[in-house]
Amino acid sequence: VQLQAFGGGVVQPGGPLRLSCAASGFTVGSYGMGWFRQAPGKEREFVAAMNWSGSSRYNGDSVKGRFTLSRDRAKNTVSLQMNSLKPEDTAVYYCAAGRGLISSSLSRAGNYDYWGQGTLVTVSS
């Protein structure tokens, strides 16, 4: 089982960026999928997640209205579209997969089984 996150980079405040996470060894349509981030000196923070069917989706308070999570079953990937980026969005972003996760369990990092290596997003002018 492997998750590989990519798409990070440097972006100006107010700009967009799209992160993707490619899964191998399992199908993203069978797992709860989430994104978390960790800024230097801070704890890991929940960003967005969906359950296995996509019927339940959650965003962290700090990204509501700006970030959108999607899934491509054909490519076995999940993506995080980030708009209106702010300097405080700067962090390493991690994708994660967890079996059987529903509702509030999706926002807790400890409930996930598999993690990608992280991709750095820097929002700076």
N, C-alpha and C. Protein backbone atom coordinates (compact mmCIF):
# COMPACT_ATOMS: atom_id res chain seq x y z
N VAL A 1 0.85 -1.19 0.00
CA VAL A 1 0.00 0.00 0.00
C VAL A 1 0.89 1.24 0.00
N GLN A 2 0.59 2.14 -0.88
CA GLN A 2 1.41 3.35 -0.98
C GLN A 2 0.55 4.55 -1.38
N LEU A 3 0.89 5.70 -0.80
CA LEU A 3 0.28 6.96 -1.19
C LEU A 3 1.39 7.92 -1.55
N GLN A 4 1.23 8.58 -2.68
CA GLN A 4 2.25 9.53 -3.11
C GLN A 4 1.58 10.87 -3.40
N ALA A 5 1.93 11.87 -2.60
CA ALA A 5 1.38 13.20 -2.77
C ALA A 5 2.30 14.04 -3.64
N PHE A 6 1.71 14.84 -4.48
CA PHE A 6 2.51 15.73 -5.32
C PHE A 6 1.69 16.96 -5.69
N GLY A 7 2.39 17.95 -6.23
CA GLY A 7 1.72 19.18 -6.65
C GLY A 7 2.07 20.40 -5.82
N GLY A 8 2.84 20.20 -4.76
CA GLY A 8 3.21 21.34 -3.93
C GLY A 8 4.14 22.29 -4.65
N GLY A 9 4.32 23.47 -4.09
CA GLY A 9 5.19 24.47 -4.68
C GLY A 9 5.01 25.81 -4.02
N VAL A 10 5.53 26.82 -4.67
CA VAL A 10 5.42 28.19 -4.17
C VAL A 10 4.33 28.92 -4.95
N VAL A 11 3.43 29.58 -4.24
CA VAL A 11 2.32 30.29 -4.88
C VAL A 11 2.12 31.62 -4.17
N GLN A 12 1.68 32.60 -4.89
CA GLN A 12 1.44 33.92 -4.30
C GLN A 12 0.13 33.93 -3.52
N PRO A 13 0.04 34.77 -2.52
CA PRO A 13 -1.23 34.89 -1.78
C PRO A 13 -2.38 35.20 -2.73
N GLY A 14 -3.50 34.52 -2.50
CA GLY A 14 -4.67 34.69 -3.35
C GLY A 14 -4.71 33.74 -4.53
N GLY A 15 -3.63 33.05 -4.79
CA GLY A 15 -3.56 32.15 -5.93
C GLY A 15 -4.08 30.76 -5.63
N PRO A 16 -4.22 29.94 -6.68
CA PRO A 16 -4.66 28.57 -6.53
C PRO A 16 -3.50 27.57 -6.64
N LEU A 17 -3.77 26.39 -6.14
CA LEU A 17 -2.82 25.29 -6.27
C LEU A 17 -3.60 24.00 -6.12
N ARG A 18 -3.21 23.00 -6.86
CA ARG A 18 -3.91 21.71 -6.80
C ARG A 18 -2.94 20.63 -6.38
N LEU A 19 -3.26 19.95 -5.32
CA LEU A 19 -2.47 18.81 -4.86
C LEU A 19 -3.17 17.53 -5.28
N SER A 20 -2.39 16.52 -5.57
CA SER A 20 -2.94 15.22 -5.89
C SER A 20 -2.25 14.14 -5.08
N CYS A 21 -2.94 13.05 -4.91
CA CYS A 21 -2.41 11.91 -4.14
C CYS A 21 -2.74 10.65 -4.91
N ALA A 22 -1.71 9.96 -5.35
CA ALA A 22 -1.89 8.72 -6.11
C ALA A 22 -1.77 7.53 -5.17
N ALA A 23 -2.73 6.64 -5.26
CA ALA A 23 -2.75 5.46 -4.40
C ALA A 23 -2.37 4.21 -5.17
N SER A 24 -1.69 3.31 -4.52
CA SER A 24 -1.39 2.01 -5.11
C SER A 24 -1.55 0.95 -4.03
N GLY A 25 -1.99 -0.23 -4.43
CA GLY A 25 -2.18 -1.31 -3.48
C GLY A 25 -3.57 -1.36 -2.87
N PHE A 26 -4.39 -0.36 -3.16
CA PHE A 26 -5.77 -0.35 -2.71
C PHE A 26 -6.52 0.65 -3.59
N THR A 27 -7.83 0.64 -3.48
CA THR A 27 -8.63 1.57 -4.28
C THR A 27 -9.16 2.68 -3.39
N VAL A 28 -9.02 3.92 -3.87
CA VAL A 28 -9.43 5.07 -3.06
C VAL A 28 -10.93 5.07 -2.82
N GLY A 29 -11.67 4.35 -3.66
CA GLY A 29 -13.11 4.29 -3.50
C GLY A 29 -13.55 3.38 -2.37
N SER A 30 -12.62 2.69 -1.74
CA SER A 30 -12.95 1.78 -0.64
C SER A 30 -12.52 2.31 0.72
N TYR A 31 -11.85 3.43 0.73
CA TYR A 31 -11.29 3.98 1.96
C TYR A 31 -11.76 5.41 2.18
N GLY A 32 -11.81 5.80 3.45
CA GLY A 32 -11.92 7.20 3.76
C GLY A 32 -10.60 7.87 3.38
N MET A 33 -10.67 9.02 2.72
CA MET A 33 -9.46 9.70 2.26
C MET A 33 -9.42 11.11 2.85
N GLY A 34 -8.25 11.50 3.30
CA GLY A 34 -8.14 12.82 3.92
C GLY A 34 -6.83 13.51 3.60
N TRP A 35 -6.84 14.81 3.85
CA TRP A 35 -5.63 15.62 3.76
C TRP A 35 -5.42 16.30 5.11
N PHE A 36 -4.19 16.32 5.53
CA PHE A 36 -3.78 17.01 6.74
C PHE A 36 -2.58 17.88 6.38
N ARG A 37 -2.26 18.82 7.25
CA ARG A 37 -1.09 19.65 7.01
C ARG A 37 -0.38 19.94 8.32
N GLN A 38 0.90 20.23 8.20
CA GLN A 38 1.68 20.55 9.39
C GLN A 38 2.65 21.67 9.06
N ALA A 39 2.49 22.77 9.74
CA ALA A 39 3.39 23.91 9.60
C ALA A 39 4.52 23.78 10.62
N PRO A 40 5.65 24.41 10.37
CA PRO A 40 6.79 24.32 11.29
C PRO A 40 6.40 24.74 12.70
N GLY A 41 6.72 23.90 13.66
CA GLY A 41 6.44 24.23 15.05
C GLY A 41 5.01 24.05 15.48
N LYS A 42 4.18 23.52 14.59
CA LYS A 42 2.76 23.35 14.91
C LYS A 42 2.36 21.89 14.81
N GLU A 43 1.21 21.58 15.40
CA GLU A 43 0.70 20.22 15.32
C GLU A 43 0.04 19.98 13.96
N ARG A 44 -0.08 18.68 13.64
CA ARG A 44 -0.75 18.34 12.40
C ARG A 44 -2.21 18.76 12.47
N GLU A 45 -2.69 19.34 11.39
CA GLU A 45 -4.02 19.93 11.35
C GLU A 45 -4.86 19.27 10.27
N PHE A 46 -6.10 19.01 10.58
CA PHE A 46 -7.03 18.44 9.61
C PHE A 46 -7.38 19.48 8.56
N VAL A 47 -7.39 19.06 7.28
CA VAL A 47 -7.72 19.96 6.18
C VAL A 47 -9.05 19.57 5.53
N ALA A 48 -9.15 18.36 5.03
CA ALA A 48 -10.37 17.93 4.35
C ALA A 48 -10.39 16.41 4.27
N ALA A 49 -11.59 15.85 4.17
CA ALA A 49 -11.72 14.40 4.07
C ALA A 49 -13.07 14.03 3.51
N MET A 50 -13.14 12.81 2.99
CA MET A 50 -14.41 12.25 2.55
C MET A 50 -14.45 10.78 2.93
N ASN A 51 -15.65 10.25 3.11
CA ASN A 51 -15.76 8.83 3.43
C ASN A 51 -15.61 8.01 2.14
N TRP A 52 -15.69 6.70 2.25
CA TRP A 52 -15.40 5.83 1.12
C TRP A 52 -16.31 6.08 -0.07
N SER A 53 -17.57 6.44 0.18
CA SER A 53 -18.52 6.63 -0.92
C SER A 53 -18.53 8.07 -1.43
N GLY A 54 -17.96 8.97 -0.65
CA GLY A 54 -18.01 10.38 -1.03
C GLY A 54 -19.27 11.07 -0.57
N SER A 55 -20.13 10.35 0.13
CA SER A 55 -21.40 10.93 0.56
C SER A 55 -21.22 11.88 1.74
N SER A 56 -20.13 11.74 2.46
CA SER A 56 -19.83 12.63 3.59
C SER A 56 -18.49 13.31 3.32
N ARG A 57 -18.50 14.61 3.38
CA ARG A 57 -17.29 15.40 3.13
C ARG A 57 -17.15 16.44 4.23
N TYR A 58 -15.93 16.65 4.65
CA TYR A 58 -15.68 17.58 5.73
C TYR A 58 -14.46 18.45 5.38
N ASN A 59 -14.51 19.68 5.79
CA ASN A 59 -13.38 20.59 5.66
C ASN A 59 -13.05 21.17 7.03
N GLY A 60 -11.78 21.40 7.24
CA GLY A 60 -11.38 22.08 8.45
C GLY A 60 -11.88 23.52 8.44
N ASP A 61 -12.08 24.09 9.61
CA ASP A 61 -12.64 25.44 9.70
C ASP A 61 -11.81 26.48 8.96
N SER A 62 -10.50 26.32 8.99
CA SER A 62 -9.63 27.33 8.40
C SER A 62 -9.62 27.30 6.87
N VAL A 63 -10.18 26.26 6.26
CA VAL A 63 -10.14 26.16 4.79
C VAL A 63 -11.52 26.11 4.16
N LYS A 64 -12.56 26.18 4.97
CA LYS A 64 -13.92 26.12 4.44
C LYS A 64 -14.17 27.22 3.43
N GLY A 65 -14.77 26.82 2.31
CA GLY A 65 -15.07 27.78 1.26
C GLY A 65 -13.91 28.04 0.32
N ARG A 66 -12.74 27.50 0.64
CA ARG A 66 -11.56 27.75 -0.21
C ARG A 66 -10.98 26.46 -0.79
N PHE A 67 -11.06 25.37 -0.05
CA PHE A 67 -10.47 24.10 -0.48
C PHE A 67 -11.57 23.11 -0.83
N THR A 68 -11.32 22.32 -1.88
CA THR A 68 -12.29 21.30 -2.30
C THR A 68 -11.59 19.99 -2.54
N LEU A 69 -12.13 18.94 -1.95
CA LEU A 69 -11.57 17.59 -2.11
C LEU A 69 -12.36 16.84 -3.17
N SER A 70 -11.65 16.12 -4.03
CA SER A 70 -12.31 15.31 -5.05
C SER A 70 -11.59 13.99 -5.21
N ARG A 71 -12.25 13.08 -5.88
CA ARG A 71 -11.67 11.75 -6.07
C ARG A 71 -11.89 11.32 -7.51
N ASP A 72 -10.87 10.70 -8.10
CA ASP A 72 -10.95 10.14 -9.45
C ASP A 72 -10.75 8.65 -9.34
N ARG A 73 -11.83 7.91 -9.42
CA ARG A 73 -11.74 6.45 -9.24
C ARG A 73 -10.96 5.81 -10.38
N ALA A 74 -11.09 6.32 -11.58
CA ALA A 74 -10.40 5.74 -12.73
C ALA A 74 -8.88 5.86 -12.58
N LYS A 75 -8.43 6.99 -12.04
CA LYS A 75 -7.00 7.20 -11.86
C LYS A 75 -6.51 6.77 -10.48
N ASN A 76 -7.46 6.41 -9.63
CA ASN A 76 -7.15 6.01 -8.25
C ASN A 76 -6.39 7.11 -7.51
N THR A 77 -6.91 8.31 -7.64
CA THR A 77 -6.29 9.46 -7.00
C THR A 77 -7.32 10.30 -6.26
N VAL A 78 -6.85 11.07 -5.32
CA VAL A 78 -7.66 12.12 -4.70
C VAL A 78 -6.92 13.43 -4.88
N SER A 79 -7.67 14.50 -5.02
CA SER A 79 -7.05 15.80 -5.25
C SER A 79 -7.62 16.83 -4.30
N LEU A 80 -6.80 17.82 -4.02
CA LEU A 80 -7.22 18.92 -3.15
C LEU A 80 -7.01 20.22 -3.93
N GLN A 81 -8.11 20.81 -4.34
CA GLN A 81 -8.04 22.10 -5.03
C GLN A 81 -8.06 23.19 -3.98
N MET A 82 -7.01 24.00 -3.97
CA MET A 82 -6.87 25.05 -2.98
C MET A 82 -6.95 26.40 -3.68
N ASN A 83 -7.88 27.20 -3.28
CA ASN A 83 -8.06 28.54 -3.86
C ASN A 83 -7.90 29.60 -2.78
N SER A 84 -7.68 30.82 -3.22
CA SER A 84 -7.55 31.96 -2.30
C SER A 84 -6.55 31.65 -1.19
N LEU A 85 -5.39 31.18 -1.59
CA LEU A 85 -4.40 30.75 -0.61
C LEU A 85 -3.88 31.93 0.21
N LYS A 86 -3.57 31.64 1.45
CA LYS A 86 -3.07 32.64 2.39
C LYS A 86 -1.70 32.21 2.91
N PRO A 87 -0.90 33.13 3.37
CA PRO A 87 0.41 32.75 3.92
C PRO A 87 0.29 31.71 5.04
N GLU A 88 -0.77 31.76 5.80
CA GLU A 88 -0.95 30.80 6.89
C GLU A 88 -1.31 29.39 6.40
N ASP A 89 -1.51 29.23 5.10
CA ASP A 89 -1.71 27.90 4.53
C ASP A 89 -0.39 27.20 4.26
N THR A 90 0.71 27.90 4.45
CA THR A 90 2.03 27.32 4.24
C THR A 90 2.25 26.16 5.20
N ALA A 91 2.57 24.99 4.63
CA ALA A 91 2.73 23.78 5.44
C ALA A 91 3.13 22.63 4.53
N VAL A 92 3.51 21.54 5.15
CA VAL A 92 3.64 20.27 4.44
C VAL A 92 2.27 19.60 4.47
N TYR A 93 1.78 19.22 3.31
CA TYR A 93 0.46 18.61 3.19
C TYR A 93 0.61 17.11 2.99
N TYR A 94 -0.17 16.36 3.75
CA TYR A 94 -0.13 14.90 3.72
C TYR A 94 -1.49 14.35 3.33
N CYS A 95 -1.49 13.35 2.45
CA CYS A 95 -2.73 12.63 2.20
C CYS A 95 -2.71 11.35 3.02
N ALA A 96 -3.89 10.86 3.33
CA ALA A 96 -3.99 9.69 4.18
C ALA A 96 -5.22 8.88 3.81
N ALA A 97 -5.17 7.60 4.12
CA ALA A 97 -6.29 6.69 3.83
C ALA A 97 -6.60 5.87 5.07
N GLY A 98 -7.88 5.68 5.31
CA GLY A 98 -8.30 4.90 6.47
C GLY A 98 -9.50 4.05 6.14
N ARG A 99 -9.45 2.82 6.57
CA ARG A 99 -10.57 1.90 6.29
C ARG A 99 -11.69 2.13 7.29
N GLY A 100 -12.91 2.19 6.78
CA GLY A 100 -14.08 2.23 7.65
C GLY A 100 -14.32 3.55 8.36
N LEU A 101 -13.69 4.61 7.90
CA LEU A 101 -13.86 5.90 8.58
C LEU A 101 -15.16 6.56 8.15
N ILE A 102 -15.88 7.05 9.12
CA ILE A 102 -17.13 7.76 8.83
C ILE A 102 -17.22 8.97 9.72
N SER A 103 -17.99 9.92 9.30
CA SER A 103 -18.34 11.14 10.03
C SER A 103 -17.14 11.74 10.77
N SER A 104 -17.26 11.97 12.06
CA SER A 104 -16.24 12.72 12.79
C SER A 104 -14.90 12.01 12.86
N SER A 105 -14.88 10.71 12.63
CA SER A 105 -13.60 9.98 12.67
C SER A 105 -12.69 10.40 11.53
N LEU A 106 -13.23 10.98 10.50
CA LEU A 106 -12.44 11.40 9.35
C LEU A 106 -11.50 12.55 9.66
N SER A 107 -11.78 13.32 10.68
CA SER A 107 -10.97 14.49 10.99
C SER A 107 -9.84 14.20 11.97
N ARG A 108 -9.71 12.97 12.41
CA ARG A 108 -8.70 12.62 13.41
C ARG A 108 -7.57 11.86 12.76
N ALA A 109 -6.37 12.42 12.80
CA ALA A 109 -5.23 11.82 12.13
C ALA A 109 -4.93 10.41 12.62
N GLY A 110 -5.14 10.16 13.90
CA GLY A 110 -4.83 8.87 14.48
C GLY A 110 -5.68 7.72 13.95
N ASN A 111 -6.77 8.05 13.25
CA ASN A 111 -7.66 7.01 12.73
C ASN A 111 -7.24 6.51 11.35
N TYR A 112 -6.26 7.13 10.74
CA TYR A 112 -5.86 6.76 9.39
C TYR A 112 -4.79 5.66 9.41
N ASP A 113 -4.87 4.79 8.42
CA ASP A 113 -3.98 3.64 8.35
C ASP A 113 -2.72 3.90 7.53
N TYR A 114 -2.86 4.69 6.48
CA TYR A 114 -1.76 4.89 5.54
C TYR A 114 -1.57 6.38 5.28
N TRP A 115 -0.29 6.75 5.11
CA TRP A 115 0.07 8.15 4.90
C TRP A 115 1.03 8.30 3.73
N GLY A 116 0.86 9.38 2.99
CA GLY A 116 1.82 9.73 1.96
C GLY A 116 3.01 10.45 2.57
N GLN A 117 3.97 10.78 1.74
CA GLN A 117 5.23 11.36 2.24
C GLN A 117 5.15 12.85 2.47
N GLY A 118 4.10 13.51 2.00
CA GLY A 118 3.97 14.95 2.20
C GLY A 118 4.51 15.75 1.03
N THR A 119 3.88 16.88 0.79
CA THR A 119 4.34 17.79 -0.25
C THR A 119 4.24 19.21 0.31
N LEU A 120 5.28 20.00 0.09
CA LEU A 120 5.38 21.32 0.70
C LEU A 120 4.66 22.37 -0.12
N VAL A 121 3.82 23.13 0.55
CA VAL A 121 3.14 24.28 -0.06
C VAL A 121 3.62 25.54 0.65
N THR A 122 4.12 26.48 -0.13
CA THR A 122 4.59 27.75 0.41
C THR A 122 3.80 28.87 -0.24
N VAL A 123 3.12 29.66 0.58
CA VAL A 123 2.35 30.79 0.08
C VAL A 123 3.09 32.06 0.46
N SER A 124 3.64 32.70 -0.52
CA SER A 124 4.49 33.87 -0.24
C SER A 124 4.57 34.76 -1.47
N SER A 125 4.65 36.04 -1.23
CA SER A 125 4.84 36.98 -2.33
C SER A 125 6.32 37.25 -2.57
